[in-house]
Amino acid sequence: MAAVSVPQLGGARRLVVKIGSALLVGPEGLRGDWLRGLCDDVAAWRAQGCDVVLVSSGSIALGRRVLGLPSGALPLEQAQAAAAVGQIRLARAYEEALAPHGVITAQVLLTLEDSADRRRYLNSRATMQTLLGLGVVPIVNENDTVATDEIRFGDNDRLAAQIAVTCGADQLLLLSDVDGLYTANPKTDPTARHLPVIETITPEIEAMGGDPVSGLSKGGMKTKLMAARTAVAGGCAMAIAEGSVLRPLSAVAQGARTTWFLPEADPQLARKRWIAAMKPKGTVIVDDGARLALGRGKSLLPAGVTQVQGDFGRGDPVAITDHAGQRLATGLIRYTATEARAIAGHHSAQIETILGYPGRAALIHRDDMVT
């Protein structure tokens, strides 16, 4: 049997790191030394050419201290108020810790609706891709100030997994107060064994999930296993590691105990398969110039479109064909059918004049297309 190849954190091309509240916020408030150590690592990874996204808990924990709210579960209104107060402090703390390294940060607040709704998903994906392309480190959190129970992820483990899939990350690291998955709860069962590598998430593996062990954390092992399912299905390797050391990424890269969940496919390949499985809701017919450009792996621009057929919304799958009816590709379109008809045959610089509002240059981006 061939040896299992375990991912190496130092070799990540695009890394999403989830930070739990218990790591970032202690009894005395924000753990500044720990945050600066984390940001030292982030800067080092970026210097090696790795894109980094941080999914950070901590806004409610910070805000409740400022507002003098009691420990334990809070009513929704108080939790949202605490998040509103704490989020600005959390974003500023990351900005100040990364600024000495010359790293620009951005705050990105999301809800479950932003990934469940295709239009919002495409907006989120485009924003994240643009930020990373500009060398920015996005600081992502659930938008607790507006989210109701119906539109919540409920924990940042699953949010981080969704972000990893959305932005095409090849590795996701969940920094927590545990150093991985065990066969049982190691705090209560002395026979519990640590599992360093999970190749397949079986029902037996899922049964090993436990409840949260920290008063500040909403996510236990169950949520981490749910996150792992999302990540590996999207082609992203995921690791669970204990993150309280001052340089947590360096510690994992140097061999600290972790549990790695192996991906099912390459992130781009997984996304292409997902798009290829969709049934097109319309068709765009392109000229010879666009056909040649698509063959070279380019995005589809409005100028190359000669005809638009069908009724579809933004983010829906459409077929791309030539005038002979040969299908060239399938892709997720960035405009409605009405908008696509209006801008077809025109240069991207004319989109705002035609539609009356700014639009994206590509009708279908190459990352949202499978040939």
Protein backbone atom coordinates (compact mmCIF):
# COMPACT_ATOMS: atom_id res chain seq x y z
CA MET A 1 0.00 0.00 0.00
CA ALA A 2 1.37 3.41 -0.97
CA ALA A 3 2.18 5.83 1.83
CA VAL A 4 -0.31 8.63 2.38
CA SER A 5 1.01 12.03 1.35
CA VAL A 6 0.25 14.48 4.16
CA PRO A 7 -0.06 18.14 3.14
CA GLN A 8 2.65 20.54 4.28
CA LEU A 9 1.43 23.89 5.59
CA GLY A 10 4.56 25.60 4.29
CA GLY A 11 3.63 24.54 0.75
CA ALA A 12 0.16 26.10 0.70
CA ARG A 13 -0.67 28.30 -2.28
CA ARG A 14 -3.81 29.81 -0.77
CA LEU A 15 -4.36 29.30 2.96
CA VAL A 16 -7.47 30.01 5.03
CA VAL A 17 -6.88 30.19 8.79
CA LYS A 18 -9.74 30.08 11.27
CA ILE A 19 -9.05 31.60 14.69
CA GLY A 20 -11.23 30.60 17.63
CA SER A 21 -12.43 33.11 20.23
CA ALA A 22 -10.69 31.31 23.07
CA LEU A 23 -7.31 31.85 21.37
CA LEU A 24 -7.81 35.52 20.61
CA VAL A 25 -9.66 36.74 23.71
CA GLY A 26 -8.61 35.82 27.25
CA PRO A 27 -9.94 36.77 30.69
CA GLU A 28 -8.18 40.14 30.42
CA GLY A 29 -9.34 40.90 26.90
CA LEU A 30 -7.51 40.71 23.56
CA ARG A 31 -4.33 38.61 23.66
CA GLY A 32 -2.12 41.13 21.90
CA ASP A 33 1.12 39.12 22.02
CA TRP A 34 -0.59 36.08 20.49
CA LEU A 35 -2.19 38.17 17.75
CA ARG A 36 1.13 39.78 16.84
CA GLY A 37 2.77 36.33 16.68
CA LEU A 38 0.02 35.07 14.39
CA CYS A 39 0.43 38.11 12.15
CA ASP A 40 4.20 37.56 12.05
CA ASP A 41 3.42 34.13 10.63
CA VAL A 42 0.86 35.52 8.18
CA ALA A 43 3.44 37.99 6.87
CA ALA A 44 6.01 35.19 6.52
CA TRP A 45 3.59 33.02 4.52
CA ARG A 46 2.71 35.93 2.26
CA ALA A 47 6.40 36.63 1.68
CA GLN A 48 6.66 33.06 0.35
CA GLY A 49 3.95 33.82 -2.21
CA CYS A 50 1.00 32.31 -0.32
CA ASP A 51 -2.37 34.09 -0.27
CA VAL A 52 -3.80 34.18 3.26
CA VAL A 53 -7.39 34.64 4.45
CA LEU A 54 -8.20 34.91 8.16
CA VAL A 55 -11.61 33.84 9.45
CA SER A 56 -11.64 35.27 12.94
CA SER A 57 -14.01 34.82 15.83
CA GLY A 58 -13.86 37.21 18.76
CA SER A 59 -16.14 40.14 18.02
CA ILE A 60 -18.86 39.16 20.49
CA ALA A 61 -16.31 38.18 23.13
CA LEU A 62 -14.60 41.57 22.79
CA GLY A 63 -17.84 43.56 22.63
CA ARG A 64 -19.44 41.96 25.64
CA ARG A 65 -16.47 43.00 27.79
CA VAL A 66 -16.78 46.61 26.62
CA LEU A 67 -20.53 46.63 27.26
CA GLY A 68 -20.25 44.83 30.59
CA LEU A 69 -22.53 41.99 29.51
CA PRO A 70 -22.54 38.77 31.57
CA SER A 71 -20.83 35.54 30.53
CA GLY A 72 -22.83 32.73 29.00
CA ALA A 73 -25.43 32.73 26.25
CA LEU A 74 -26.79 36.16 25.30
CA PRO A 75 -30.19 37.08 23.85
CA LEU A 76 -29.95 37.68 20.09
CA GLU A 77 -30.27 41.47 20.44
CA GLN A 78 -27.46 41.65 23.02
CA ALA A 79 -25.23 39.33 20.98
CA GLN A 80 -25.72 41.53 17.91
CA ALA A 81 -24.97 44.66 19.94
CA ALA A 82 -21.81 43.05 21.33
CA ALA A 83 -20.77 42.05 17.81
CA ALA A 84 -21.28 45.59 16.53
CA VAL A 85 -19.06 47.00 19.29
CA GLY A 86 -16.47 44.23 19.14
CA GLN A 87 -16.14 43.93 15.36
CA ILE A 88 -14.62 47.38 14.92
CA ARG A 89 -12.09 46.63 17.65
CA LEU A 90 -11.28 43.25 16.14
CA ALA A 91 -10.68 44.71 12.68
CA ARG A 92 -8.51 47.49 14.09
CA ALA A 93 -6.44 44.99 16.08
CA TYR A 94 -5.64 42.97 12.94
CA GLU A 95 -4.91 46.12 10.96
CA GLU A 96 -2.45 47.35 13.59
CA ALA A 97 -0.74 43.95 13.93
CA LEU A 98 -0.23 43.53 10.17
CA ALA A 99 0.60 47.15 9.29
CA PRO A 100 4.27 46.91 10.43
CA HIS A 101 4.72 44.18 7.81
CA GLY A 102 3.30 46.40 5.09
CA VAL A 103 0.22 44.19 4.79
CA ILE A 104 -3.15 45.74 3.95
CA THR A 105 -6.22 44.22 5.58
CA ALA A 106 -9.88 44.21 4.61
CA GLN A 107 -12.97 43.42 6.65
CA VAL A 108 -15.44 40.98 5.07
CA LEU A 109 -18.70 40.20 6.90
CA LEU A 110 -20.89 37.37 5.60
CA THR A 111 -24.01 35.39 6.45
CA LEU A 112 -25.20 31.97 5.34
CA GLU A 113 -27.35 33.66 2.69
CA ASP A 114 -24.21 34.96 1.01
CA SER A 115 -23.16 31.41 0.15
CA ALA A 116 -26.61 29.87 -0.34
CA ASP A 117 -27.78 32.50 -2.84
CA ARG A 118 -25.91 32.15 -6.14
CA ARG A 119 -25.80 35.88 -6.87
CA ARG A 120 -24.41 36.70 -3.44
CA TYR A 121 -21.99 33.78 -3.72
CA LEU A 122 -20.59 35.13 -6.98
CA ASN A 123 -20.29 38.61 -5.46
CA SER A 124 -18.43 37.19 -2.47
CA ARG A 125 -16.15 35.10 -4.68
CA ALA A 126 -15.34 38.03 -6.98
CA THR A 127 -14.61 40.32 -4.04
CA MET A 128 -12.34 37.78 -2.35
CA GLN A 129 -10.48 37.03 -5.58
CA THR A 130 -9.93 40.74 -6.20
CA LEU A 131 -8.70 41.40 -2.67
CA LEU A 132 -6.25 38.50 -2.83
CA GLY A 133 -5.09 39.57 -6.28
CA LEU A 134 -4.26 42.99 -4.82
CA GLY A 135 -2.20 41.41 -2.02
CA VAL A 136 -4.75 42.13 0.71
CA VAL A 137 -5.36 39.84 3.72
CA PRO A 138 -9.16 39.60 4.19
CA ILE A 139 -10.38 39.33 7.78
CA VAL A 140 -13.67 37.41 7.56
CA ASN A 141 -16.34 36.98 10.21
CA GLU A 142 -20.01 36.13 10.32
CA ASN A 143 -22.10 39.29 10.17
CA ASP A 144 -23.50 38.81 13.67
CA THR A 145 -24.94 42.33 13.74
CA VAL A 146 -27.66 41.44 11.21
CA ALA A 147 -27.79 37.63 11.04
CA THR A 148 -30.83 35.86 12.45
CA ASP A 149 -30.90 32.17 13.28
CA GLU A 150 -32.32 31.39 9.84
CA ILE A 151 -29.38 32.92 7.97
CA ARG A 152 -26.52 32.00 10.30
CA PHE A 153 -23.64 29.62 9.88
CA GLY A 154 -23.67 29.54 13.68
CA ASP A 155 -19.95 28.90 13.96
CA ASN A 156 -16.83 30.02 12.16
CA ASP A 157 -15.59 26.48 11.48
CA ARG A 158 -18.19 25.99 8.76
CA LEU A 159 -17.86 29.59 7.62
CA ALA A 160 -14.11 29.04 7.17
CA ALA A 161 -14.73 25.91 5.11
CA GLN A 162 -17.19 27.76 2.90
CA ILE A 163 -14.70 30.60 2.45
CA ALA A 164 -11.96 28.10 1.56
CA VAL A 165 -14.14 26.59 -1.17
CA THR A 166 -15.35 30.00 -2.37
CA CYS A 167 -11.86 31.41 -2.88
CA GLY A 168 -10.29 28.18 -4.16
CA ALA A 169 -7.94 27.59 -1.22
CA ASP A 170 -5.84 24.44 -1.22
CA GLN A 171 -5.45 24.37 2.59
CA LEU A 172 -7.63 25.28 5.57
CA LEU A 173 -6.26 25.41 9.10
CA LEU A 174 -8.61 25.47 12.09
CA LEU A 175 -6.72 26.87 15.07
CA SER A 176 -8.51 25.77 18.20
CA ASP A 177 -8.00 24.66 21.78
CA VAL A 178 -7.59 21.02 20.71
CA ASP A 179 -4.75 19.48 18.72
CA GLY A 180 -6.83 17.33 16.44
CA LEU A 181 -9.34 14.52 16.33
CA TYR A 182 -9.26 11.67 18.84
CA THR A 183 -11.08 8.36 18.94
CA ALA A 184 -12.79 9.67 22.12
CA ASN A 185 -12.63 12.73 24.35
CA PRO A 186 -9.02 12.67 25.66
CA LYS A 187 -10.03 14.72 28.72
CA THR A 188 -12.33 11.99 29.96
CA ASP A 189 -11.02 8.82 28.29
CA PRO A 190 -7.34 7.89 28.90
CA THR A 191 -7.49 5.32 26.07
CA ALA A 192 -8.34 7.96 23.44
CA ARG A 193 -5.99 7.87 20.44
CA HIS A 194 -5.00 10.86 18.34
CA LEU A 195 -5.70 10.47 14.60
CA PRO A 196 -3.05 12.31 12.54
CA VAL A 197 -4.57 11.73 9.07
CA ILE A 198 -8.14 11.17 7.91
CA GLU A 199 -8.38 9.95 4.31
CA THR A 200 -12.17 9.52 4.28
CA ILE A 201 -14.80 10.91 6.64
CA THR A 202 -16.77 7.79 7.53
CA PRO A 203 -19.77 7.48 9.87
CA GLU A 204 -17.36 6.11 12.46
CA ILE A 205 -15.23 9.25 12.18
CA GLU A 206 -18.29 11.48 12.47
CA ALA A 207 -19.34 9.63 15.62
CA MET A 208 -16.14 10.78 17.30
CA GLY A 209 -17.29 14.41 17.31
CA GLY A 210 -17.93 15.92 20.72
CA ASP A 211 -19.35 19.09 22.22
CA PRO A 212 -17.59 22.46 22.65
CA VAL A 213 -15.12 22.47 25.53
CA SER A 214 -14.63 26.22 25.88
CA GLY A 215 -17.00 28.80 27.32
CA LEU A 216 -15.99 31.26 24.60
CA SER A 217 -16.20 28.85 21.66
CA LYS A 218 -19.38 27.94 19.78
CA GLY A 219 -17.74 25.25 17.67
CA GLY A 220 -16.95 21.78 18.94
CA MET A 221 -15.52 18.78 17.11
CA LYS A 222 -18.88 18.15 15.40
CA THR A 223 -18.72 21.50 13.64
CA LYS A 224 -15.10 20.86 12.66
CA LEU A 225 -16.04 17.56 11.05
CA MET A 226 -18.87 19.30 9.19
CA ALA A 227 -16.34 21.88 8.04
CA ALA A 228 -14.00 19.10 6.93
CA ARG A 229 -16.72 17.56 4.77
CA THR A 230 -17.27 20.86 2.98
CA ALA A 231 -13.55 21.57 2.56
CA VAL A 232 -12.41 18.19 1.24
CA ALA A 233 -15.36 17.94 -1.15
CA GLY A 234 -14.20 21.27 -2.59
CA GLY A 235 -10.64 20.04 -3.05
CA CYS A 236 -9.20 21.71 0.06
CA ALA A 237 -7.08 19.89 2.64
CA MET A 238 -8.03 20.76 6.22
CA ALA A 239 -6.08 20.57 9.47
CA ILE A 240 -7.13 20.94 13.10
CA ALA A 241 -4.38 22.21 15.40
CA GLU A 242 -3.98 23.59 18.91
CA GLY A 243 -3.18 27.25 18.37
CA SER A 244 -2.25 28.83 21.69
CA VAL A 245 1.50 29.08 20.93
CA LEU A 246 2.72 32.51 19.84
CA ARG A 247 3.62 31.42 16.27
CA PRO A 248 0.88 28.86 15.51
CA LEU A 249 1.45 28.55 11.75
CA SER A 250 5.17 28.02 12.26
CA ALA A 251 4.44 25.41 14.92
CA VAL A 252 2.21 23.41 12.55
CA ALA A 253 4.74 23.72 9.73
CA GLN A 254 7.45 22.44 12.09
CA GLY A 255 5.51 19.32 13.02
CA ALA A 256 3.17 20.20 15.88
CA ARG A 257 0.47 17.60 16.44
CA THR A 258 -2.47 18.04 14.06
CA THR A 259 -5.15 16.08 12.28
CA TRP A 260 -5.16 16.45 8.49
CA PHE A 261 -8.22 15.68 6.37
CA LEU A 262 -7.17 14.85 2.82
CA PRO A 263 -8.93 16.53 -0.14
CA GLU A 264 -10.98 14.58 -2.63
CA ALA A 265 -9.67 16.54 -5.63
CA ASP A 266 -7.78 19.67 -6.66
CA PRO A 267 -9.82 22.82 -5.79
CA GLN A 268 -10.08 23.98 -9.40
CA LEU A 269 -10.92 20.49 -10.63
CA ALA A 270 -13.64 20.13 -7.98
CA ARG A 271 -15.15 23.46 -9.01
CA LYS A 272 -15.04 22.56 -12.69
CA ARG A 273 -16.84 19.29 -12.00
CA TRP A 274 -19.51 21.17 -10.05
CA ILE A 275 -20.12 23.57 -12.93
CA ALA A 276 -20.06 20.79 -15.54
CA ALA A 277 -22.82 18.94 -13.68
CA MET A 278 -25.22 21.89 -13.91
CA LYS A 279 -27.99 22.09 -16.49
CA PRO A 280 -27.66 25.29 -18.58
CA LYS A 281 -30.57 27.73 -18.31
CA GLY A 282 -29.67 29.59 -21.49
CA THR A 283 -27.16 29.93 -24.31
CA VAL A 284 -24.75 32.61 -25.48
CA ILE A 285 -23.52 32.38 -29.06
CA VAL A 286 -20.06 33.77 -29.78
CA ASP A 287 -18.06 34.86 -32.81
CA ASP A 288 -14.86 33.28 -34.09
CA GLY A 289 -12.63 35.65 -32.15
CA ALA A 290 -14.26 34.71 -28.85
CA ARG A 291 -14.15 31.02 -29.80
CA LEU A 292 -10.38 31.24 -30.28
CA ALA A 293 -9.96 33.20 -27.04
CA LEU A 294 -11.92 30.58 -25.10
CA GLY A 295 -9.66 27.92 -26.57
CA ARG A 296 -6.69 29.78 -25.06
CA GLY A 297 -8.30 29.77 -21.61
CA LYS A 298 -9.56 33.37 -21.68
CA SER A 299 -12.70 34.78 -20.08
CA LEU A 300 -15.72 35.54 -22.26
CA LEU A 301 -16.15 39.29 -22.84
CA PRO A 302 -19.41 40.89 -24.04
CA ALA A 303 -17.75 42.02 -27.28
CA GLY A 304 -17.49 38.43 -28.51
CA VAL A 305 -21.18 37.60 -28.00
CA THR A 306 -23.49 37.77 -31.01
CA GLN A 307 -26.69 36.34 -29.56
CA VAL A 308 -28.24 35.50 -26.18
CA GLN A 309 -30.95 32.85 -25.83
CA GLY A 310 -33.09 31.85 -22.86
CA ASP A 311 -34.17 33.42 -19.59
CA PHE A 312 -31.62 33.25 -16.80
CA GLY A 313 -30.48 35.17 -13.76
CA ARG A 314 -27.09 36.32 -12.63
CA GLY A 315 -25.00 33.35 -11.52
CA ASP A 316 -26.99 30.79 -13.50
CA PRO A 317 -25.22 28.23 -15.70
CA VAL A 318 -25.35 28.89 -19.45
CA ALA A 319 -23.99 27.08 -22.49
CA ILE A 320 -21.50 28.84 -24.77
CA THR A 321 -21.73 27.81 -28.42
CA ASP A 322 -20.46 28.92 -31.79
CA HIS A 323 -22.73 29.78 -34.74
CA ALA A 324 -22.75 26.14 -35.86
CA GLY A 325 -24.28 25.14 -32.52
CA GLN A 326 -21.16 23.40 -31.21
CA ARG A 327 -20.90 23.75 -27.44
CA LEU A 328 -17.59 25.31 -26.47
CA ALA A 329 -18.07 25.61 -22.71
CA THR A 330 -20.49 25.92 -19.81
CA GLY A 331 -20.14 28.75 -17.34
CA LEU A 332 -21.77 30.81 -14.60
CA ILE A 333 -22.84 34.08 -16.16
CA ARG A 334 -22.36 37.39 -14.35
CA TYR A 335 -25.38 39.12 -15.84
CA THR A 336 -29.10 38.46 -16.25
CA ALA A 337 -30.43 37.53 -19.69
CA THR A 338 -31.78 41.05 -20.17
CA GLU A 339 -28.46 42.63 -19.24
CA ALA A 340 -26.50 40.17 -21.39
CA ARG A 341 -28.61 41.00 -24.44
CA ALA A 342 -28.08 44.71 -23.86
CA ILE A 343 -24.28 44.53 -23.66
CA ALA A 344 -23.71 41.73 -26.22
CA GLY A 345 -21.30 42.86 -28.94
CA HIS A 346 -20.10 45.86 -26.94
CA HIS A 347 -16.75 46.52 -25.31
CA SER A 348 -16.53 46.17 -21.54
CA ALA A 349 -15.77 49.89 -21.16
CA GLN A 350 -19.28 50.61 -22.49
CA ILE A 351 -21.15 48.50 -19.90
CA GLU A 352 -21.80 51.33 -17.45
CA THR A 353 -23.10 53.62 -20.20
CA ILE A 354 -25.45 50.92 -21.55
CA LEU A 355 -26.77 49.58 -18.22
CA GLY A 356 -26.58 52.79 -16.22
CA TYR A 357 -24.41 51.21 -13.52
CA PRO A 358 -20.92 49.67 -13.35
CA GLY A 359 -20.56 46.01 -14.23
CA ARG A 360 -17.87 43.35 -14.37
CA ALA A 361 -15.64 43.30 -17.44
CA ALA A 362 -16.19 39.61 -18.20
CA LEU A 363 -19.57 38.17 -19.07
CA ILE A 364 -18.30 34.78 -17.85
CA HIS A 365 -14.97 34.61 -16.02
CA ARG A 366 -12.61 31.77 -16.90
CA ASP A 367 -12.67 30.58 -13.24
CA ASP A 368 -16.44 30.09 -13.57
CA MET A 369 -16.21 28.14 -16.83
CA VAL A 370 -15.56 24.56 -17.88
CA THR A 371 -14.73 23.65 -21.50
